[in-house]
Amino acid sequence: MKARRQAVVLELVGREAIVSQDQLRRRLRARGFVVTQATLSRDIQDLGLLKRAADGAYQRPDASEPAASAQRTRALLQRALREHLTGLDRVQQLIVLKTGPGHAQLLALAIDHDELPGVVGTIAGDDTILVIARSTGAARSAARTLQELADGKA
């Protein structure tokens, strides 16, 4: 449930200017998620959301600072892998990741935002993610990176 809710939070702040937790809580309720202010605060912190200076709306880490943004994105991916990854298998240019029930979408979103070299995209179900790479070599490299991040070696 947490993974799905956090994926919806990212979707909402990416689509519209949400300036308060109450506004975000109402949008989540409309999507079927009833949350307390404390839970929402933890989600905002877990996702690394920031407030834009211009309008005070929540946003993902600032893309105008590429190095800092890449570090935050990588840290979020590592955290998501450590918390949700239960298995990893590579077949040619495809990587199949297993998670607990309901966690695949949040992990796939973290992979997509990290923009691993050679990865075209992800498809997520409930507990399985298909990562598609441009080539077998790119898949090998991405699988190694994902495993190292999950193991805390990267």
C-alpha atoms as a PDB file:
ATOM      1  CA  MET A   1       0.000   0.000   0.000  1.00  0.00           C
ATOM      2  CA  LYS A   2       2.815   2.413   0.912  1.00  0.00           C
ATOM      3  CA  ALA A   3       4.602   1.830  -2.389  1.00  0.00           C
ATOM      4  CA  ARG A   4       1.460   2.439  -4.410  1.00  0.00           C
ATOM      5  CA  ARG A   5       0.593   5.539  -2.414  1.00  0.00           C
ATOM      6  CA  GLN A   6       4.074   6.986  -2.857  1.00  0.00           C
ATOM      7  CA  ALA A   7       3.955   6.281  -6.592  1.00  0.00           C
ATOM      8  CA  VAL A   8       0.677   8.236  -6.747  1.00  0.00           C
ATOM      9  CA  VAL A   9       2.237  11.086  -4.731  1.00  0.00           C
ATOM     10  CA  LEU A  10       5.051  11.331  -7.285  1.00  0.00           C
ATOM     11  CA  GLU A  11       2.563  11.249 -10.123  1.00  0.00           C
ATOM     12  CA  LEU A  12       0.439  14.000  -8.568  1.00  0.00           C
ATOM     13  CA  VAL A  13       3.304  16.398  -7.834  1.00  0.00           C
ATOM     14  CA  GLY A  14       4.686  15.777 -11.302  1.00  0.00           C
ATOM     15  CA  ARG A  15       1.360  16.664 -12.937  1.00  0.00           C
ATOM     16  CA  GLU A  16       0.192  19.701 -10.998  1.00  0.00           C
ATOM     17  CA  ALA A  17       1.371  22.394  -8.605  1.00  0.00           C
ATOM     18  CA  ILE A  18       0.522  21.079  -5.142  1.00  0.00           C
ATOM     19  CA  VAL A  19       1.422  23.644  -2.495  1.00  0.00           C
ATOM     20  CA  SER A  20       0.252  22.077   0.760  1.00  0.00           C
ATOM     21  CA  GLN A  21       0.035  18.735   2.478  1.00  0.00           C
ATOM     22  CA  ASP A  22      -3.705  19.225   2.850  1.00  0.00           C
ATOM     23  CA  GLN A  23      -4.088  19.700  -0.910  1.00  0.00           C
ATOM     24  CA  LEU A  24      -1.998  16.585  -1.505  1.00  0.00           C
ATOM     25  CA  ARG A  25      -4.004  14.636   1.081  1.00  0.00           C
ATOM     26  CA  ARG A  26      -7.267  15.609  -0.685  1.00  0.00           C
ATOM     27  CA  ARG A  27      -5.862  14.513  -4.083  1.00  0.00           C
ATOM     28  CA  LEU A  28      -4.798  11.200  -2.561  1.00  0.00           C
ATOM     29  CA  ARG A  29      -8.231  10.708  -1.000  1.00  0.00           C
ATOM     30  CA  ALA A  30      -9.800  11.247  -4.436  1.00  0.00           C
ATOM     31  CA  ARG A  31      -7.550   8.428  -5.705  1.00  0.00           C
ATOM     32  CA  GLY A  32      -8.624   6.090  -2.871  1.00  0.00           C
ATOM     33  CA  PHE A  33      -5.833   6.693  -0.340  1.00  0.00           C
ATOM     34  CA  VAL A  34      -6.891   7.956   3.088  1.00  0.00           C
ATOM     35  CA  VAL A  35      -3.785   9.099   4.964  1.00  0.00           C
ATOM     36  CA  THR A  36      -2.950  11.047   8.091  1.00  0.00           C
ATOM     37  CA  GLN A  37      -0.774  14.158   8.071  1.00  0.00           C
ATOM     38  CA  ALA A  38       2.016  12.195   9.791  1.00  0.00           C
ATOM     39  CA  THR A  39       1.976   9.495   7.103  1.00  0.00           C
ATOM     40  CA  LEU A  40       2.003  12.108   4.374  1.00  0.00           C
ATOM     41  CA  SER A  41       4.946  13.904   6.020  1.00  0.00           C
ATOM     42  CA  ARG A  42       6.893  10.626   6.089  1.00  0.00           C
ATOM     43  CA  ASP A  43       6.059   9.985   2.420  1.00  0.00           C
ATOM     44  CA  ILE A  44       7.277  13.465   1.448  1.00  0.00           C
ATOM     45  CA  GLN A  45      10.515  12.890   3.336  1.00  0.00           C
ATOM     46  CA  ASP A  46      10.979   9.342   1.954  1.00  0.00           C
ATOM     47  CA  LEU A  47      10.524  10.610  -1.596  1.00  0.00           C
ATOM     48  CA  GLY A  48      12.874  13.560  -1.105  1.00  0.00           C
ATOM     49  CA  LEU A  49      10.281  16.096  -2.245  1.00  0.00           C
ATOM     50  CA  LEU A  50      11.222  19.754  -2.041  1.00  0.00           C
ATOM     51  CA  LYS A  51       9.275  23.006  -2.218  1.00  0.00           C
ATOM     52  CA  ARG A  52       9.887  25.210  -5.260  1.00  0.00           C
ATOM     53  CA  ALA A  53      10.956  28.745  -4.417  1.00  0.00           C
ATOM     54  CA  ALA A  54       8.818  30.283  -7.157  1.00  0.00           C
ATOM     55  CA  ASP A  55       5.378  29.018  -6.122  1.00  0.00           C
ATOM     56  CA  GLY A  56       5.901  26.804  -3.067  1.00  0.00           C
ATOM     57  CA  ALA A  57       4.724  23.689  -4.900  1.00  0.00           C
ATOM     58  CA  TYR A  58       6.181  20.276  -4.093  1.00  0.00           C
ATOM     59  CA  GLN A  59       8.621  18.883  -6.613  1.00  0.00           C
ATOM     60  CA  ARG A  60      11.109  16.112  -7.018  1.00  0.00           C
ATOM     61  CA  PRO A  61      14.719  17.070  -6.302  1.00  0.00           C
ATOM     62  CA  ASP A  62      15.703  20.061  -8.436  1.00  0.00           C
ATOM     63  CA  ALA A  63      16.751  19.088 -11.949  1.00  0.00           C
ATOM     64  CA  SER A  64      18.562  22.422 -12.310  1.00  0.00           C
ATOM     65  CA  GLU A  65      21.332  20.979 -10.118  1.00  0.00           C
ATOM     66  CA  PRO A  66      22.244  17.892 -12.155  1.00  0.00           C
ATOM     67  CA  ALA A  67      25.007  16.525  -9.926  1.00  0.00           C
ATOM     68  CA  ALA A  68      23.073  16.947  -6.676  1.00  0.00           C
ATOM     69  CA  SER A  69      19.881  15.729  -8.323  1.00  0.00           C
ATOM     70  CA  ALA A  70      21.636  12.623  -9.691  1.00  0.00           C
ATOM     71  CA  GLN A  71      23.019  11.850  -6.223  1.00  0.00           C
ATOM     72  CA  ARG A  72      19.580  12.182  -4.618  1.00  0.00           C
ATOM     73  CA  THR A  73      17.980  10.100  -7.365  1.00  0.00           C
ATOM     74  CA  ARG A  74      20.632   7.397  -6.936  1.00  0.00           C
ATOM     75  CA  ALA A  75      20.136   7.445  -3.151  1.00  0.00           C
ATOM     76  CA  LEU A  76      16.378   7.036  -3.611  1.00  0.00           C
ATOM     77  CA  LEU A  77      16.949   4.135  -6.016  1.00  0.00           C
ATOM     78  CA  GLN A  78      19.328   2.450  -3.579  1.00  0.00           C
ATOM     79  CA  ARG A  79      16.840   2.823  -0.750  1.00  0.00           C
ATOM     80  CA  ALA A  80      13.998   1.464  -2.881  1.00  0.00           C
ATOM     81  CA  LEU A  81      16.114  -1.517  -3.963  1.00  0.00           C
ATOM     82  CA  ARG A  82      17.156  -2.306  -0.397  1.00  0.00           C
ATOM     83  CA  GLU A  83      13.586  -2.080   0.867  1.00  0.00           C
ATOM     84  CA  HIS A  84      11.710  -3.776  -1.972  1.00  0.00           C
ATOM     85  CA  LEU A  85      13.937  -5.996  -4.139  1.00  0.00           C
ATOM     86  CA  THR A  86      13.595  -9.723  -3.432  1.00  0.00           C
ATOM     87  CA  GLY A  87      15.086 -11.131  -6.629  1.00  0.00           C
ATOM     88  CA  LEU A  88      16.881 -10.204  -9.839  1.00  0.00           C
ATOM     89  CA  ASP A  89      17.380 -12.250 -13.006  1.00  0.00           C
ATOM     90  CA  ARG A  90      18.712 -11.233 -16.424  1.00  0.00           C
ATOM     91  CA  VAL A  91      17.867 -12.827 -19.765  1.00  0.00           C
ATOM     92  CA  GLN A  92      19.681 -11.261 -22.708  1.00  0.00           C
ATOM     93  CA  GLN A  93      18.570  -7.614 -22.784  1.00  0.00           C
ATOM     94  CA  LEU A  94      15.816  -8.030 -20.201  1.00  0.00           C
ATOM     95  CA  ILE A  95      16.061  -7.841 -16.420  1.00  0.00           C
ATOM     96  CA  VAL A  96      13.281  -9.226 -14.241  1.00  0.00           C
ATOM     97  CA  LEU A  97      13.054  -7.828 -10.728  1.00  0.00           C
ATOM     98  CA  LYS A  98      10.871  -9.343  -8.012  1.00  0.00           C
ATOM     99  CA  THR A  99       9.435  -7.391  -5.082  1.00  0.00           C
ATOM    100  CA  GLY A 100       6.912  -7.943  -2.360  1.00  0.00           C
ATOM    101  CA  PRO A 101       3.247  -7.525  -3.292  1.00  0.00           C
ATOM    102  CA  GLY A 102       2.395  -3.925  -4.195  1.00  0.00           C
ATOM    103  CA  HIS A 103       5.993  -2.678  -4.301  1.00  0.00           C
ATOM    104  CA  ALA A 104       6.902  -3.046  -7.974  1.00  0.00           C
ATOM    105  CA  GLN A 105       5.521   0.290  -9.171  1.00  0.00           C
ATOM    106  CA  LEU A 106       7.490   2.386  -6.672  1.00  0.00           C
ATOM    107  CA  LEU A 107      10.733   0.558  -7.458  1.00  0.00           C
ATOM    108  CA  ALA A 108      10.130   0.851 -11.216  1.00  0.00           C
ATOM    109  CA  LEU A 109       9.549   4.582 -10.807  1.00  0.00           C
ATOM    110  CA  ALA A 110      12.856   4.924  -8.939  1.00  0.00           C
ATOM    111  CA  ILE A 111      14.631   3.018 -11.743  1.00  0.00           C
ATOM    112  CA  ASP A 112      13.031   5.204 -14.406  1.00  0.00           C
ATOM    113  CA  HIS A 113      14.048   8.401 -12.612  1.00  0.00           C
ATOM    114  CA  ASP A 114      17.624   7.225 -12.116  1.00  0.00           C
ATOM    115  CA  GLU A 115      18.046   6.877 -15.894  1.00  0.00           C
ATOM    116  CA  LEU A 116      20.528   4.000 -15.807  1.00  0.00           C
ATOM    117  CA  PRO A 117      22.705   4.025 -18.945  1.00  0.00           C
ATOM    118  CA  GLY A 118      21.328   1.740 -21.643  1.00  0.00           C
ATOM    119  CA  VAL A 119      17.959   1.209 -19.958  1.00  0.00           C
ATOM    120  CA  VAL A 120      15.029   2.033 -22.230  1.00  0.00           C
ATOM    121  CA  GLY A 121      12.322   1.721 -19.590  1.00  0.00           C
ATOM    122  CA  THR A 122      10.387  -0.439 -17.174  1.00  0.00           C
ATOM    123  CA  ILE A 123       7.050  -2.187 -17.010  1.00  0.00           C
ATOM    124  CA  ALA A 124       5.720  -2.863 -13.510  1.00  0.00           C
ATOM    125  CA  GLY A 125       3.028  -5.163 -12.265  1.00  0.00           C
ATOM    126  CA  ASP A 126       2.169  -5.819  -8.639  1.00  0.00           C
ATOM    127  CA  ASP A 127       5.324  -7.689  -7.619  1.00  0.00           C
ATOM    128  CA  THR A 128       7.359  -7.941 -10.829  1.00  0.00           C
ATOM    129  CA  ILE A 129       9.254  -5.401 -12.927  1.00  0.00           C
ATOM    130  CA  LEU A 130      10.540  -5.907 -16.444  1.00  0.00           C
ATOM    131  CA  VAL A 131      13.535  -3.665 -17.171  1.00  0.00           C
ATOM    132  CA  ILE A 132      14.275  -3.339 -20.888  1.00  0.00           C
ATOM    133  CA  ALA A 133      17.801  -2.472 -21.994  1.00  0.00           C
ATOM    134  CA  ARG A 134      19.116  -1.511 -25.428  1.00  0.00           C
ATOM    135  CA  SER A 135      21.499  -4.454 -25.608  1.00  0.00           C
ATOM    136  CA  THR A 136      22.691  -7.521 -23.750  1.00  0.00           C
ATOM    137  CA  GLY A 137      25.769  -5.614 -22.568  1.00  0.00           C
ATOM    138  CA  ALA A 138      23.655  -2.721 -21.294  1.00  0.00           C
ATOM    139  CA  ALA A 139      21.414  -5.188 -19.452  1.00  0.00           C
ATOM    140  CA  ARG A 140      24.441  -6.900 -17.916  1.00  0.00           C
ATOM    141  CA  SER A 141      25.797  -3.547 -16.706  1.00  0.00           C
ATOM    142  CA  ALA A 142      22.401  -2.350 -15.402  1.00  0.00           C
ATOM    143  CA  ALA A 143      21.766  -5.653 -13.594  1.00  0.00           C
ATOM    144  CA  ARG A 144      25.188  -5.438 -11.949  1.00  0.00           C
ATOM    145  CA  THR A 145      24.536  -1.818 -10.888  1.00  0.00           C
ATOM    146  CA  LEU A 146      21.095  -2.673  -9.504  1.00  0.00           C
ATOM    147  CA  GLN A 147      22.460  -5.640  -7.550  1.00  0.00           C
ATOM    148  CA  GLU A 148      25.373  -3.602  -6.174  1.00  0.00           C
ATOM    149  CA  LEU A 149      23.004  -0.846  -5.068  1.00  0.00           C
ATOM    150  CA  ALA A 150      20.715  -3.395  -3.409  1.00  0.00           C
ATOM    151  CA  ASP A 151      23.707  -4.964  -1.639  1.00  0.00           C
ATOM    152  CA  GLY A 152      25.028  -1.565  -0.539  1.00  0.00           C
ATOM    153  CA  LYS A 153      28.237  -1.941  -2.546  1.00  0.00           C
ATOM    154  CA  ALA A 154      27.728   0.998  -4.897  1.00  0.00           C
END
